[in-house]
Amino acid sequence: MFDISKFPDKVKIEVTREDLIAFAETLRGDSDAQTEKKDRKFIKIDEAADLLNLSKATVYQLTSKKQIPFYKLNNRLYFKAEELLEWMEAGKQEVEPDTDEEVEDLIEDLRNRRNNFK
């Protein structure tokens, strides 16, 4: 570690425009440029399995059946996290909301059951 108090009050440095933009994006948090970099980033099967909360064996099965988006290069599997998340969201099942009357009936039924156990 170094003692920052030993630095002079003013320090002159040269920074490239690219480094300055990267630094600004880091300060801003998730920016479009960072998102683009994440979208282009490939992950391996271990990370894909973790992301999907599946076993590696299940991910291998899904790729062999071509049921999941993946890339293959030199007999190695690669994935894009964004594509995997979109794939999962595409499988979302819509749920019909309960009517107020159904909810009230359910609450009443639960109250009756609770009262029967007293």
N, C-alpha and C. Protein backbone atom coordinates (compact mmCIF):
# COMPACT_ATOMS: atom_id res chain seq x y z
N MET A 1 0.84 -1.18 0.00
CA MET A 1 0.00 0.00 0.00
C MET A 1 0.88 1.24 0.00
N PHE A 2 0.34 2.33 -0.43
CA PHE A 2 1.13 3.56 -0.47
C PHE A 2 0.42 4.63 0.33
N ASP A 3 1.20 5.60 0.80
CA ASP A 3 0.67 6.69 1.62
C ASP A 3 0.29 7.84 0.70
N ILE A 4 -1.00 8.06 0.57
CA ILE A 4 -1.49 9.10 -0.35
C ILE A 4 -1.15 10.50 0.15
N SER A 5 -0.90 10.64 1.44
CA SER A 5 -0.57 11.97 1.99
C SER A 5 0.77 12.48 1.47
N LYS A 6 1.57 11.60 0.93
CA LYS A 6 2.89 12.01 0.41
C LYS A 6 2.82 12.52 -1.02
N PHE A 7 1.65 12.40 -1.65
CA PHE A 7 1.50 12.92 -3.00
C PHE A 7 1.45 14.45 -2.96
N PRO A 8 1.91 15.08 -4.02
CA PRO A 8 1.80 16.54 -4.07
C PRO A 8 0.33 16.97 -4.18
N ASP A 9 0.06 18.24 -3.87
CA ASP A 9 -1.31 18.74 -3.93
C ASP A 9 -1.88 18.68 -5.33
N LYS A 10 -1.05 18.90 -6.34
CA LYS A 10 -1.50 18.86 -7.72
C LYS A 10 -0.67 17.83 -8.48
N VAL A 11 -1.36 17.03 -9.27
CA VAL A 11 -0.69 16.02 -10.07
C VAL A 11 -1.17 16.19 -11.50
N LYS A 12 -0.25 16.22 -12.44
CA LYS A 12 -0.61 16.35 -13.84
C LYS A 12 -0.45 14.98 -14.49
N ILE A 13 -1.53 14.53 -15.14
CA ILE A 13 -1.49 13.23 -15.80
C ILE A 13 -2.06 13.38 -17.20
N GLU A 14 -1.69 12.47 -18.04
CA GLU A 14 -2.26 12.42 -19.38
C GLU A 14 -3.17 11.20 -19.46
N VAL A 15 -4.36 11.43 -19.98
CA VAL A 15 -5.36 10.37 -20.08
C VAL A 15 -5.90 10.38 -21.51
N THR A 16 -6.01 9.19 -22.07
CA THR A 16 -6.59 9.12 -23.41
C THR A 16 -8.10 9.35 -23.32
N ARG A 17 -8.67 9.75 -24.42
CA ARG A 17 -10.11 9.99 -24.48
C ARG A 17 -10.86 8.69 -24.14
N GLU A 18 -10.37 7.59 -24.67
CA GLU A 18 -11.01 6.29 -24.44
C GLU A 18 -11.01 5.93 -22.95
N ASP A 19 -9.87 6.16 -22.28
CA ASP A 19 -9.79 5.89 -20.84
C ASP A 19 -10.72 6.79 -20.05
N LEU A 20 -10.83 8.04 -20.47
CA LEU A 20 -11.70 9.00 -19.79
C LEU A 20 -13.16 8.59 -19.94
N ILE A 21 -13.54 8.14 -21.13
CA ILE A 21 -14.91 7.68 -21.35
C ILE A 21 -15.20 6.44 -20.51
N ALA A 22 -14.25 5.51 -20.48
CA ALA A 22 -14.43 4.29 -19.68
C ALA A 22 -14.57 4.63 -18.20
N PHE A 23 -13.78 5.59 -17.74
CA PHE A 23 -13.85 6.01 -16.34
C PHE A 23 -15.20 6.64 -16.04
N ALA A 24 -15.68 7.50 -16.94
CA ALA A 24 -16.98 8.15 -16.75
C ALA A 24 -18.10 7.11 -16.73
N GLU A 25 -18.01 6.11 -17.58
CA GLU A 25 -19.02 5.06 -17.61
C GLU A 25 -19.01 4.26 -16.32
N THR A 26 -17.84 4.04 -15.78
CA THR A 26 -17.73 3.33 -14.51
C THR A 26 -18.41 4.12 -13.40
N LEU A 27 -18.20 5.43 -13.39
CA LEU A 27 -18.82 6.27 -12.37
C LEU A 27 -20.33 6.31 -12.52
N ARG A 28 -20.82 6.28 -13.75
CA ARG A 28 -22.25 6.34 -14.01
C ARG A 28 -22.95 5.02 -13.70
N GLY A 29 -22.22 3.95 -13.66
CA GLY A 29 -22.84 2.64 -13.44
C GLY A 29 -23.13 1.97 -14.76
N ASP A 30 -24.29 1.33 -14.87
CA ASP A 30 -24.65 0.61 -16.09
C ASP A 30 -24.98 1.60 -17.20
N SER A 31 -24.07 1.76 -18.11
CA SER A 31 -24.30 2.63 -19.25
C SER A 31 -24.56 1.79 -20.48
N ASP A 32 -24.95 2.44 -21.55
CA ASP A 32 -25.20 1.72 -22.80
C ASP A 32 -23.94 1.03 -23.29
N ALA A 33 -22.79 1.70 -23.16
CA ALA A 33 -21.54 1.11 -23.64
C ALA A 33 -21.20 -0.14 -22.83
N GLN A 34 -21.40 -0.09 -21.52
CA GLN A 34 -21.12 -1.26 -20.69
C GLN A 34 -22.07 -2.39 -21.04
N THR A 35 -23.34 -2.04 -21.27
CA THR A 35 -24.32 -3.05 -21.64
C THR A 35 -23.94 -3.70 -22.96
N GLU A 36 -23.49 -2.89 -23.92
CA GLU A 36 -23.05 -3.44 -25.20
C GLU A 36 -21.91 -4.42 -25.01
N LYS A 37 -20.95 -4.07 -24.16
CA LYS A 37 -19.81 -4.95 -23.92
C LYS A 37 -20.29 -6.26 -23.29
N LYS A 38 -21.25 -6.16 -22.35
CA LYS A 38 -21.78 -7.37 -21.71
C LYS A 38 -22.50 -8.24 -22.73
N ASP A 39 -23.26 -7.58 -23.63
CA ASP A 39 -24.00 -8.32 -24.64
C ASP A 39 -23.06 -9.10 -25.56
N ARG A 40 -21.89 -8.53 -25.84
CA ARG A 40 -20.95 -9.18 -26.75
C ARG A 40 -20.11 -10.23 -26.04
N LYS A 41 -20.10 -10.21 -24.72
CA LYS A 41 -19.27 -11.12 -23.96
C LYS A 41 -19.85 -12.54 -24.01
N PHE A 42 -18.99 -13.47 -24.33
CA PHE A 42 -19.39 -14.87 -24.33
C PHE A 42 -19.05 -15.49 -22.98
N ILE A 43 -19.90 -16.39 -22.53
CA ILE A 43 -19.64 -17.11 -21.29
C ILE A 43 -19.55 -18.60 -21.61
N LYS A 44 -18.87 -19.32 -20.72
CA LYS A 44 -18.72 -20.76 -20.90
C LYS A 44 -19.87 -21.48 -20.21
N ILE A 45 -19.87 -22.78 -20.34
CA ILE A 45 -21.00 -23.59 -19.86
C ILE A 45 -21.19 -23.49 -18.35
N ASP A 46 -20.10 -23.38 -17.58
CA ASP A 46 -20.23 -23.27 -16.13
C ASP A 46 -21.04 -22.02 -15.76
N GLU A 47 -20.67 -20.90 -16.39
CA GLU A 47 -21.38 -19.65 -16.11
C GLU A 47 -22.82 -19.71 -16.60
N ALA A 48 -23.03 -20.34 -17.75
CA ALA A 48 -24.38 -20.48 -18.29
C ALA A 48 -25.26 -21.30 -17.35
N ALA A 49 -24.71 -22.39 -16.84
CA ALA A 49 -25.46 -23.23 -15.91
C ALA A 49 -25.80 -22.46 -14.64
N ASP A 50 -24.84 -21.69 -14.13
CA ASP A 50 -25.09 -20.88 -12.94
C ASP A 50 -26.16 -19.83 -13.21
N LEU A 51 -26.06 -19.17 -14.34
CA LEU A 51 -27.02 -18.12 -14.69
C LEU A 51 -28.44 -18.67 -14.78
N LEU A 52 -28.58 -19.85 -15.36
CA LEU A 52 -29.89 -20.46 -15.54
C LEU A 52 -30.34 -21.30 -14.34
N ASN A 53 -29.44 -21.46 -13.38
CA ASN A 53 -29.71 -22.29 -12.22
C ASN A 53 -30.05 -23.73 -12.63
N LEU A 54 -29.25 -24.23 -13.57
CA LEU A 54 -29.39 -25.59 -14.07
C LEU A 54 -28.06 -26.32 -13.91
N SER A 55 -28.10 -27.63 -13.97
CA SER A 55 -26.85 -28.39 -13.95
C SER A 55 -26.18 -28.29 -15.32
N LYS A 56 -24.87 -28.54 -15.34
CA LYS A 56 -24.16 -28.54 -16.62
C LYS A 56 -24.73 -29.62 -17.54
N ALA A 57 -25.09 -30.76 -16.95
CA ALA A 57 -25.64 -31.85 -17.75
C ALA A 57 -26.93 -31.41 -18.46
N THR A 58 -27.77 -30.67 -17.76
CA THR A 58 -29.02 -30.19 -18.36
C THR A 58 -28.73 -29.21 -19.49
N VAL A 59 -27.75 -28.33 -19.28
CA VAL A 59 -27.38 -27.37 -20.33
C VAL A 59 -26.86 -28.12 -21.55
N TYR A 60 -26.02 -29.15 -21.32
CA TYR A 60 -25.53 -29.96 -22.44
C TYR A 60 -26.70 -30.61 -23.20
N GLN A 61 -27.68 -31.13 -22.46
CA GLN A 61 -28.84 -31.75 -23.10
C GLN A 61 -29.61 -30.74 -23.95
N LEU A 62 -29.81 -29.55 -23.40
CA LEU A 62 -30.54 -28.51 -24.14
C LEU A 62 -29.81 -28.10 -25.41
N THR A 63 -28.47 -28.06 -25.35
CA THR A 63 -27.72 -27.70 -26.56
C THR A 63 -27.77 -28.83 -27.58
N SER A 64 -27.70 -30.06 -27.11
CA SER A 64 -27.72 -31.18 -28.07
C SER A 64 -29.07 -31.28 -28.77
N LYS A 65 -30.13 -30.83 -28.08
CA LYS A 65 -31.47 -30.82 -28.69
C LYS A 65 -31.75 -29.50 -29.41
N LYS A 66 -30.75 -28.61 -29.38
CA LYS A 66 -30.89 -27.28 -30.00
C LYS A 66 -32.09 -26.52 -29.45
N GLN A 67 -32.29 -26.61 -28.13
CA GLN A 67 -33.41 -25.94 -27.48
C GLN A 67 -32.98 -24.67 -26.77
N ILE A 68 -31.71 -24.35 -26.83
CA ILE A 68 -31.17 -23.20 -26.12
C ILE A 68 -30.19 -22.50 -27.05
N PRO A 69 -30.12 -21.16 -27.00
CA PRO A 69 -29.17 -20.47 -27.89
C PRO A 69 -27.73 -20.69 -27.44
N PHE A 70 -26.87 -21.10 -28.38
CA PHE A 70 -25.47 -21.34 -28.05
C PHE A 70 -24.62 -21.20 -29.29
N TYR A 71 -23.31 -21.14 -29.07
CA TYR A 71 -22.33 -21.05 -30.15
C TYR A 71 -21.33 -22.16 -29.92
N LYS A 72 -20.82 -22.70 -31.00
CA LYS A 72 -19.84 -23.79 -30.88
C LYS A 72 -18.64 -23.44 -31.76
N LEU A 73 -17.48 -23.48 -31.15
CA LEU A 73 -16.24 -23.19 -31.85
C LEU A 73 -15.17 -24.13 -31.32
N ASN A 74 -14.53 -24.86 -32.21
CA ASN A 74 -13.49 -25.83 -31.81
C ASN A 74 -14.00 -26.79 -30.74
N ASN A 75 -15.19 -27.31 -30.95
CA ASN A 75 -15.82 -28.27 -30.03
C ASN A 75 -16.04 -27.72 -28.63
N ARG A 76 -16.10 -26.42 -28.48
CA ARG A 76 -16.40 -25.80 -27.18
C ARG A 76 -17.68 -25.01 -27.31
N LEU A 77 -18.47 -25.04 -26.25
CA LEU A 77 -19.74 -24.33 -26.24
C LEU A 77 -19.57 -22.96 -25.60
N TYR A 78 -20.21 -21.97 -26.22
CA TYR A 78 -20.21 -20.61 -25.69
C TYR A 78 -21.64 -20.08 -25.72
N PHE A 79 -21.92 -19.15 -24.82
CA PHE A 79 -23.25 -18.59 -24.70
C PHE A 79 -23.13 -17.08 -24.50
N LYS A 80 -24.21 -16.39 -24.82
CA LYS A 80 -24.31 -14.98 -24.48
C LYS A 80 -25.35 -14.87 -23.38
N ALA A 81 -24.98 -14.25 -22.28
CA ALA A 81 -25.87 -14.16 -21.13
C ALA A 81 -27.20 -13.52 -21.50
N GLU A 82 -27.15 -12.44 -22.28
CA GLU A 82 -28.37 -11.74 -22.67
C GLU A 82 -29.31 -12.66 -23.45
N GLU A 83 -28.77 -13.47 -24.35
CA GLU A 83 -29.60 -14.39 -25.12
C GLU A 83 -30.21 -15.47 -24.23
N LEU A 84 -29.46 -15.92 -23.24
CA LEU A 84 -29.99 -16.94 -22.33
C LEU A 84 -31.14 -16.37 -21.50
N LEU A 85 -30.98 -15.13 -21.04
CA LEU A 85 -32.05 -14.51 -20.26
C LEU A 85 -33.30 -14.28 -21.12
N GLU A 86 -33.10 -13.87 -22.36
CA GLU A 86 -34.24 -13.70 -23.27
C GLU A 86 -34.93 -15.04 -23.52
N TRP A 87 -34.12 -16.09 -23.67
CA TRP A 87 -34.67 -17.44 -23.88
C TRP A 87 -35.54 -17.84 -22.69
N MET A 88 -35.05 -17.57 -21.49
CA MET A 88 -35.83 -17.91 -20.29
C MET A 88 -37.12 -17.11 -20.23
N GLU A 89 -37.02 -15.81 -20.53
CA GLU A 89 -38.21 -14.97 -20.47
C GLU A 89 -39.24 -15.36 -21.52
N ALA A 90 -38.79 -15.91 -22.63
CA ALA A 90 -39.71 -16.34 -23.69
C ALA A 90 -40.59 -17.49 -23.19
N GLY A 91 -40.14 -18.21 -22.19
CA GLY A 91 -40.90 -19.33 -21.65
C GLY A 91 -41.85 -18.94 -20.54
N LYS A 92 -41.96 -17.64 -20.27
CA LYS A 92 -42.83 -17.17 -19.20
C LYS A 92 -44.28 -17.53 -19.49
N GLN A 93 -44.94 -18.06 -18.49
CA GLN A 93 -46.34 -18.43 -18.61
C GLN A 93 -47.20 -17.33 -17.98
N GLU A 94 -48.20 -16.90 -18.70
CA GLU A 94 -49.09 -15.88 -18.18
C GLU A 94 -50.04 -16.50 -17.16
N VAL A 95 -50.30 -15.77 -16.11
CA VAL A 95 -51.19 -16.21 -15.06
C VAL A 95 -52.39 -15.28 -15.04
N GLU A 96 -53.57 -15.86 -15.05
CA GLU A 96 -54.77 -15.03 -14.98
C GLU A 96 -54.99 -14.61 -13.54
N PRO A 97 -55.22 -13.33 -13.33
CA PRO A 97 -55.41 -12.87 -11.96
C PRO A 97 -56.73 -13.38 -11.38
N ASP A 98 -56.72 -13.65 -10.10
CA ASP A 98 -57.94 -14.07 -9.42
C ASP A 98 -58.88 -12.87 -9.30
N THR A 99 -60.14 -13.16 -9.34
CA THR A 99 -61.10 -12.08 -9.13
C THR A 99 -61.17 -11.79 -7.64
N ASP A 100 -61.67 -10.62 -7.30
CA ASP A 100 -61.78 -10.24 -5.88
C ASP A 100 -62.65 -11.23 -5.13
N GLU A 101 -63.70 -11.70 -5.78
CA GLU A 101 -64.61 -12.64 -5.14
C GLU A 101 -63.91 -13.96 -4.82
N GLU A 102 -63.08 -14.45 -5.76
CA GLU A 102 -62.34 -15.69 -5.52
C GLU A 102 -61.37 -15.53 -4.37
N VAL A 103 -60.72 -14.38 -4.29
CA VAL A 103 -59.77 -14.13 -3.21
C VAL A 103 -60.50 -14.07 -1.88
N GLU A 104 -61.64 -13.39 -1.85
CA GLU A 104 -62.41 -13.31 -0.61
C GLU A 104 -62.88 -14.69 -0.18
N ASP A 105 -63.32 -15.52 -1.13
CA ASP A 105 -63.75 -16.89 -0.80
C ASP A 105 -62.59 -17.70 -0.23
N LEU A 106 -61.42 -17.54 -0.82
CA LEU A 106 -60.25 -18.25 -0.33
C LEU A 106 -59.89 -17.83 1.09
N ILE A 107 -59.93 -16.54 1.35
CA ILE A 107 -59.63 -16.03 2.69
C ILE A 107 -60.64 -16.56 3.70
N GLU A 108 -61.90 -16.53 3.32
CA GLU A 108 -62.95 -17.04 4.21
C GLU A 108 -62.74 -18.53 4.49
N ASP A 109 -62.41 -19.30 3.47
CA ASP A 109 -62.15 -20.73 3.63
C ASP A 109 -60.97 -20.97 4.58
N LEU A 110 -59.92 -20.19 4.44
CA LEU A 110 -58.76 -20.33 5.32
C LEU A 110 -59.12 -19.97 6.76
N ARG A 111 -59.92 -18.94 6.94
CA ARG A 111 -60.37 -18.57 8.30
C ARG A 111 -61.18 -19.69 8.93
N ASN A 112 -62.06 -20.29 8.13
CA ASN A 112 -62.88 -21.39 8.64
C ASN A 112 -62.02 -22.58 9.04
N ARG A 113 -61.03 -22.89 8.23
CA ARG A 113 -60.13 -24.01 8.56
C ARG A 113 -59.37 -23.73 9.85
N ARG A 114 -58.91 -22.49 9.99
CA ARG A 114 -58.16 -22.12 11.20
C ARG A 114 -59.03 -22.23 12.41
N ASN A 115 -60.28 -21.77 12.31
CA ASN A 115 -61.21 -21.83 13.43
C ASN A 115 -61.54 -23.27 13.80
N ASN A 116 -61.54 -24.18 12.85
CA ASN A 116 -61.84 -25.58 13.12
C ASN A 116 -60.72 -26.25 13.91
N PHE A 117 -59.51 -25.71 13.85
CA PHE A 117 -58.38 -26.32 14.56
C PHE A 117 -58.20 -25.75 15.95
N LYS A 118 -58.99 -24.79 16.35
CA LYS A 118 -58.86 -24.19 17.69
C LYS A 118 -59.50 -25.04 18.74
